[in-house]
Structures are given as C-alpha cells and as structure tokens.
Protein backbone atom coordinates (compact mmCIF):
# COMPACT_ATOMS: atom_id res chain seq x y z
CA MET A 1 -27.99 -1.99 35.01
CA ARG A 2 -25.36 0.61 34.74
CA VAL A 3 -25.22 3.08 31.46
CA ARG A 4 -22.20 4.72 30.74
CA GLN A 5 -22.25 7.25 28.14
CA ALA A 6 -19.58 8.47 25.99
CA VAL A 7 -18.29 11.72 25.32
CA GLY A 8 -17.88 13.04 22.15
CA ALA A 9 -14.57 13.31 20.36
CA GLY A 10 -12.46 15.70 20.69
CA ARG A 11 -13.83 16.93 23.85
CA ARG A 12 -10.57 15.76 26.22
CA CYS A 13 -7.91 18.52 26.92
CA LYS A 14 -5.54 18.00 24.09
CA ASP A 15 -1.69 18.75 23.41
CA ARG A 16 -1.56 21.53 20.50
CA GLU A 17 1.83 20.13 19.05
CA ASN A 18 0.84 16.09 18.88
CA GLY A 19 -2.99 15.99 19.12
CA ARG A 20 -2.80 14.06 22.24
CA GLY A 21 -4.89 14.42 25.23
CA MET A 22 -3.30 14.58 28.80
CA ASN A 23 -3.19 10.71 29.53
CA ASN A 24 -1.01 10.70 26.05
CA LEU A 25 -3.57 8.78 24.30
CA ARG A 26 -4.62 10.10 20.57
CA SER A 27 -7.26 12.76 21.11
CA ASP A 28 -9.66 10.81 19.26
CA ILE A 29 -9.55 7.53 21.41
CA ASN A 30 -12.28 7.99 24.45
CA ILE A 31 -11.89 6.12 27.12
CA ILE A 32 -15.09 5.77 28.60
CA TYR A 33 -14.60 3.25 31.49
CA GLU A 34 -11.93 1.69 33.44
CA ASP A 35 -11.47 -0.14 36.56
CA LYS A 36 -8.95 -2.92 37.34
CA ASP A 37 -10.74 -5.70 35.49
CA ILE A 38 -11.78 -4.23 32.19
CA LEU A 39 -11.41 -1.34 29.56
CA VAL A 40 -13.90 0.09 27.51
CA CYS A 41 -13.58 2.58 24.72
CA ARG A 42 -14.40 4.23 21.36
CA LYS A 43 -12.23 3.31 18.38
CA PRO A 44 -12.25 6.12 15.72
CA ALA A 45 -12.98 5.04 12.22
CA GLY A 46 -9.25 4.77 10.42
CA LEU A 47 -7.29 3.33 13.10
CA PRO A 48 -7.00 -0.50 13.35
CA THR A 49 -8.16 -2.32 16.47
CA GLN A 50 -4.63 -4.43 15.87
CA SER A 51 -2.05 -4.23 13.38
CA ALA A 52 0.71 -6.85 12.24
CA ARG A 53 3.07 -4.24 11.03
CA VAL A 54 4.84 -2.47 13.47
CA SER A 55 4.93 0.72 11.36
CA VAL A 56 1.39 1.09 11.15
CA PRO A 57 -0.38 2.61 13.97
CA ASP A 58 -3.17 0.56 16.21
CA LEU A 59 -5.45 0.99 19.26
CA VAL A 60 -4.26 -1.88 21.12
CA SER A 61 -0.71 -0.30 21.02
CA GLU A 62 -1.88 3.17 21.96
CA LEU A 63 -4.04 1.48 24.60
CA LYS A 64 -0.58 -0.73 26.29
CA SER A 65 1.36 2.60 25.91
CA TYR A 66 -0.96 4.38 28.01
CA LEU A 67 -1.74 1.49 30.42
CA ALA A 68 2.18 1.47 30.61
CA GLU A 69 2.49 4.57 31.96
CA LYS A 70 0.33 3.33 34.93
CA ASN A 71 2.84 0.18 35.36
CA GLU A 72 0.25 -1.68 34.13
CA ASN A 73 1.27 -4.37 31.25
CA TYR A 74 -1.95 -6.84 30.60
CA LEU A 75 -4.38 -5.95 28.00
CA ALA A 76 -6.46 -8.80 26.21
CA VAL A 77 -8.31 -7.87 22.69
CA VAL A 78 -11.76 -9.53 23.26
CA HIS A 79 -13.42 -8.13 19.57
CA ARG A 80 -12.62 -6.09 17.31
CA LEU A 81 -13.62 -3.36 14.52
CA ASP A 82 -12.71 -3.04 11.15
CA GLN A 83 -10.54 0.03 10.68
CA PRO A 84 -12.85 2.00 8.63
CA VAL A 85 -15.26 1.41 11.39
CA GLU A 86 -15.75 3.65 14.61
CA GLY A 87 -17.18 2.29 18.00
CA LEU A 88 -16.96 0.77 21.10
CA LEU A 89 -15.11 -2.11 21.94
CA VAL A 90 -14.04 -3.83 25.80
CA PHE A 91 -10.74 -5.03 26.57
CA ALA A 92 -9.74 -7.34 29.53
CA LYS A 93 -7.14 -6.08 31.87
CA ASN A 94 -6.24 -9.92 33.32
CA LYS A 95 -6.61 -13.18 32.17
CA LYS A 96 -9.49 -14.02 34.75
CA ALA A 97 -11.76 -11.40 32.69
CA ALA A 98 -10.28 -12.16 29.66
CA LYS A 99 -11.72 -15.73 29.92
CA ASN A 100 -15.20 -14.52 31.54
CA LEU A 101 -15.40 -12.00 28.25
CA SER A 102 -14.28 -14.56 26.00
CA GLU A 103 -16.98 -16.93 27.05
CA GLN A 104 -19.53 -14.17 27.04
CA LEU A 105 -18.62 -13.39 23.18
CA LYS A 106 -18.79 -16.76 22.41
CA GLN A 107 -22.26 -17.29 23.94
CA GLY A 108 -23.60 -14.52 22.09
CA GLU A 109 -24.31 -12.37 25.69
CA PHE A 110 -22.53 -9.71 24.37
CA GLY A 111 -25.50 -6.86 23.11
CA LYS A 112 -23.84 -4.94 19.91
CA VAL A 113 -25.81 -2.42 18.04
CA TYR A 114 -24.54 -0.41 15.65
CA TYR A 115 -25.73 2.64 13.38
CA ALA A 116 -25.08 2.31 9.67
CA VAL A 117 -26.04 4.93 7.13
CA ALA A 118 -27.15 3.34 3.50
CA PHE A 119 -28.56 4.51 0.29
CA ASN A 120 -31.30 1.93 -0.61
CA GLN A 121 -34.66 2.01 1.67
CA PRO A 122 -36.11 -1.78 1.31
CA CYS A 123 -39.58 -2.50 1.33
CA VAL A 124 -39.80 -3.30 4.96
CA GLN A 125 -38.96 -0.81 7.58
CA GLU A 126 -37.57 -3.14 10.07
CA GLY A 127 -36.57 -7.03 9.72
CA MET A 128 -34.01 -9.71 9.96
CA LEU A 129 -31.37 -10.83 7.45
CA GLU A 130 -30.32 -14.31 7.92
CA ASP A 131 -27.82 -16.01 5.59
CA TYR A 132 -24.84 -17.96 5.14
CA MET A 133 -21.23 -17.04 5.24
CA VAL A 134 -17.72 -18.20 4.17
CA LYS A 135 -14.09 -15.88 4.68
CA ASP A 136 -12.67 -15.51 1.38
CA GLY A 137 -9.14 -14.19 2.09
CA SER A 138 -9.86 -10.73 3.18
CA ARG A 139 -13.76 -10.64 2.33
CA ALA A 140 -16.62 -12.17 3.56
CA LYS A 141 -19.02 -14.45 0.82
CA ILE A 142 -22.66 -14.96 1.08
CA VAL A 143 -23.15 -18.60 0.26
CA THR A 144 -25.67 -21.56 0.30
CA ALA A 145 -26.16 -23.57 3.77
CA ASP A 146 -24.63 -26.57 2.09
CA THR A 147 -21.54 -24.73 1.24
CA PRO A 148 -18.25 -26.72 3.06
CA GLY A 149 -17.04 -23.89 6.13
CA ALA A 150 -20.25 -21.95 5.84
CA LYS A 151 -21.70 -20.41 8.91
CA LYS A 152 -25.15 -18.91 9.79
CA ALA A 153 -25.16 -14.84 10.07
CA VAL A 154 -28.57 -13.17 11.38
CA LEU A 155 -29.00 -9.31 12.27
CA HIS A 156 -31.89 -7.31 13.02
CA TYR A 157 -32.33 -3.86 11.03
CA LYS A 158 -34.68 -1.03 12.21
CA LEU A 159 -34.74 2.22 9.82
CA ILE A 160 -34.70 5.21 12.17
CA ALA A 161 -34.51 7.84 9.57
CA VAL A 162 -34.50 9.20 5.85
CA ASN A 163 -32.14 12.22 4.97
CA LYS A 164 -31.35 13.36 1.22
CA GLY A 165 -31.77 9.91 0.24
CA ARG A 166 -29.56 8.36 2.80
CA VAL A 167 -30.61 5.87 5.31
CA LEU A 168 -29.83 5.80 8.97
CA TYR A 169 -30.35 2.09 10.37
CA GLU A 170 -29.76 0.50 13.65
CA VAL A 171 -28.62 -2.63 13.46
CA ARG A 172 -28.21 -5.37 16.27
CA LEU A 173 -26.04 -8.72 15.73
CA GLU A 174 -27.16 -12.02 16.92
CA THR A 175 -24.43 -13.58 15.38
CA GLY A 176 -20.57 -12.37 14.96
CA ARG A 177 -19.36 -13.08 11.98
CA PHE A 178 -16.40 -11.69 9.89
CA HIS A 179 -17.73 -8.51 8.40
CA GLN A 180 -21.08 -9.65 8.87
CA ILE A 181 -23.20 -6.21 8.77
CA ARG A 182 -21.08 -4.95 5.95
CA ALA A 183 -21.41 -8.40 3.74
CA GLN A 184 -25.16 -9.04 4.47
CA MET A 185 -26.51 -5.64 3.91
CA ALA A 186 -24.80 -5.04 0.68
CA HIS A 187 -26.30 -8.67 -0.16
CA ALA A 188 -29.44 -7.59 0.57
CA GLY A 189 -29.31 -4.11 -1.69
CA MET A 190 -28.84 -2.01 1.27
CA PRO A 191 -24.98 -1.30 0.61
CA ILE A 192 -23.46 0.91 3.40
CA LEU A 193 -21.99 4.07 2.66
CA GLY A 194 -18.15 4.52 2.03
CA ASP A 195 -17.65 0.71 1.95
CA LYS A 196 -15.36 0.11 -1.18
CA LYS A 197 -15.11 -3.45 -0.37
CA TYR A 198 -18.90 -4.66 -0.83
CA ALA A 199 -20.79 -1.85 -1.76
CA ASP A 200 -21.58 -1.62 -5.71
CA PRO A 201 -19.27 0.86 -7.93
CA ALA A 202 -22.19 3.26 -8.05
CA ILE A 203 -22.10 3.78 -4.36
CA ALA A 204 -18.57 3.83 -4.41
CA ILE A 205 -18.31 6.76 -6.79
CA TYR A 206 -21.27 8.59 -4.99
CA SER A 207 -19.58 8.21 -1.53
CA GLU A 208 -15.80 9.53 -3.09
CA ALA A 209 -18.04 12.36 -4.71
CA HIS A 210 -19.18 13.13 -0.94
CA GLY A 211 -16.27 12.95 0.70
CA ILE A 212 -17.35 9.70 2.63
CA LYS A 213 -14.24 8.24 3.20
CA ASN A 214 -14.92 5.46 6.04
CA VAL A 215 -17.19 2.92 6.26
CA ALA A 216 -20.73 4.55 7.89
CA LEU A 217 -20.94 2.14 10.72
CA CYS A 218 -20.40 2.89 14.02
CA ALA A 219 -20.86 0.35 16.84
CA PHE A 220 -23.19 2.80 19.30
CA LYS A 221 -24.09 0.60 21.90
CA LEU A 222 -22.52 -2.22 23.75
CA LYS A 223 -23.93 -4.36 26.72
CA LEU A 224 -22.17 -7.02 28.83
CA VAL A 225 -21.70 -8.35 32.05
CA HIS A 226 -18.77 -6.90 34.52
CA PRO A 227 -16.52 -10.16 34.79
CA GLY A 228 -15.55 -9.40 38.43
CA THR A 229 -18.81 -8.02 39.88
CA GLY A 230 -21.51 -9.79 37.45
CA GLU A 231 -22.91 -6.38 36.83
CA GLU A 232 -25.14 -5.69 34.02
CA MET A 233 -23.36 -2.64 31.95
CA LEU A 234 -24.47 -0.79 29.43
CA PHE A 235 -21.82 1.53 27.11
CA VAL A 236 -23.43 4.16 24.41
CA SER A 237 -21.03 6.26 21.66
CA LYS A 238 -22.48 8.60 20.12
CA PRO A 239 -20.87 8.54 16.66
CA ALA A 240 -18.72 11.02 15.48
CA GLY A 241 -18.45 10.69 11.64
CA GLU A 242 -19.89 13.63 9.37
CA ILE A 243 -21.87 11.57 7.67
CA PHE A 244 -23.94 10.70 10.83
CA LYS A 245 -24.48 14.60 11.44
CA ASP A 246 -27.36 14.40 8.98
CA PHE A 247 -29.23 12.64 11.52
CA LYS A 248 -28.22 14.36 14.97
CA LYS A 249 -31.75 15.28 15.46
CA GLU A 250 -33.40 11.99 15.64
C-alpha cells in the first residue's frame, strides 16, 4: 500500500502580495497527490468545499482555476467536508474515476479517520456510537429508529490524549451521514470545541473565550483504491489548526 504524507500548511513558496503559491493556489490549500485520474488535497478550515454563491470563495473553484492553467477542465466532487472543518479530500479528474470513487464511497470502502478535540472525557476511553439520524434543514438530528427517513449512523472513537481539560479523540467513520461526527459526539456528551451548531452554550462560550473559531475536527487520514491502477493508497495529513498543537507530541 502506498502512503502519502502531506506537508504542513504554509510550507510552499508563497507570493507575498496575494498569499498564493507558485501554482496560483491559495497558500493554505495543499495538494499532496495528483495524477491523470485523481487529485488529493487538504482543505483548510473556514473554506467551503463548494459554494452555490458565486461571490463566496470555495475549494472547488480554486482547484478548477488551478487545473485550467494546465488546460484540464474536468473536476468532480466525490465527497465533502463541512466549511469549518479541515482535512483531506479526493477529487476525480475524469468521468471514469468519478464513477469508481463514488461507488467506493457508496459501498463504504473509503477509510476516513478524523481527529476531534472535545471537552468532556467519556467513562470508557474507546467505544462505538450507534444512532439514527435525519437531516433537518442545515442540521442533523438524532432520532429513533422508526422515525421516517432515519438512517443508521455508526462511528468508532478512541481517546488519544488529554491536555488542559481538552480531549483528543481519533474517530473512524463506518457510515457517512450529514454532520455525523459533530452531531453524534455532542449527543453522547462529547461536544467538539468550536462547534456553534451542536455544542451546548457553555462549550460555545468556552470556545469563544479561547479563540477557537473553527470546529476542532480534522480529516487526517484517507484510504482508497486508485480508480485507474487498483492500488490501495493511504493519505495522511497533520492538522494545521492551533487547537491541535496542544497534542503535537502525542
């Protein structure tokens, strides 16, 4: 299995006037792998994966501009990360690759692992959360199994470290529901710091007081099968958010 390690944010040579790299991408967008079929990059927190509003910058527009400079005009979104979340995403560069990757995602064959920083420590340091969820507008709701439209949501968590009352978890998704990690962890009493949508008011006040502006969640590991070669590939990226630096020695 081939492993690709992302370099830290900002290590690319930047244009001092506009904060862009030599490939005309924003300096905080890090492409860690690219070939004729796929492009894997790290999305910074605060940047939407894709926005319906023309005036709002997003990752897809940045990547399409980057590819256009190389006379490449195809880019398909395979999966997304919430705007306040950082981490790894894979995009398809042709229709065949898009179909293959979408099928892998549908069949649960993507390996997606996250780091999350929460405030409360659970009774057990490793476990599984299993709930049923529905999407309610811009939010996800935990509901009973017999609720119309409810979908099963499963994740596995493991406590990695505790520092200054903050807890670093490794979270592995078994399903890929809308806002799944954020909603499930908050429901289980482990609200993620910086999450204004799902954390309780006390956590929101704490996050604001400590300058935590984005959700303390990072998709740091992504495993997939290359759609062209059939090779299993693993991509790893260290979190860039300030809140993760408390755990940099772990």
